[in-house]
Amino acid sequence: MRIELRSVTRRVDGRRLVDAVTLAIEPGQTLLLCGPNGAGKSTLLKVAAGLVPPSSGEVLYDGRPLSRWGPGVRRRLGVLFHESLLYDELTVLDNLVFAARLWGVADARGRAEALVDEVGLRLAAREPVARLSRGMRQRLALARALVHQPEVLLLDEPFAGLDARWAAWLRERLAAERRRGTGIVLVVHEWRWAWPLADRAAVIVRGRLQRLVDARAYDADRFGAEYGRLMVPSGREPCGSMAAGIGPDALGPDGPEAEGMGGAGAEVGEEIRT
């Protein structure tokens, strides 16, 4: 499924969180959305997902306005946002079974069991989500986004809370999804972790699209140099520098731009809380 945003603007309390952005999400391609905290990346992703309406402009799914699709179109999307879509009182396995049934997966339990194993949560399968560490919750949330094999993945900071092992798993999983024809959008602050996956990269600053490049024609250093120059006029400190020692397990939310979002950083360890 192709998603197109045409001159999309999102205003909240008179402030433009997204300002006249035009972008397309293509099948079988990965788009990186880069930018400083508070740039509007998370809000733009929610508009693309149909979770918040644009104040102006339009969102098209396969050439048709989103308003002309029924609610069933949502099952074609897999989403990950800072706000948890997990139920703390349910077990790891029950969360995935519930999501699979919600999206009409034929063998909901079988699909859930397979994903529990894939994301390394078999020993915690019967534990309530409330007792999981940050990294375990992130892996479960990713499994939930994948449970119904969606056509488009809209993922907000998917590497947050993951250690090196699980970050490598995610990169491999996303590469496989791209080969399968899935359209993927990754909202990333530390973009270098995801650069090898990218077909295109967009830079958002203060709600506006400042740059859209063909990532296959750029290396990471060239993009990083351009990205840094874009940050200087905005008064933002350039991000994306691996020299700073920032890894995916250190990433937190995207800042105050996101509507209805509470902040929480990554937690250390994979233990189940008692």
Foldseek 3Di string as FASTA:
>chain_A
DKKWWAQFWADDPRATLAGGDTDMFFWLFEEEEEEAFSLNLQVVLCCSLVNDDTPDTFMDDVRHTPVPDDPLVNLQEQEADQDDPADQAAFLLVRQLVLCVVNPPPCSNVLSVVLCVLLVNPVRRRPGNVQWAQLSSLSSSVSSSPSSPHQEYEYELSLEQHDPVVLVVVQVVLLVSSVVGHGYYYHDHQCVSNLVRHQWYWYGGSNYTDDIDGSVVDDPVVVQVVQCVVVVVVVDHRTNDCVVVDDSHFDWGRHDSDPPHDTDHHDDDGDGHD
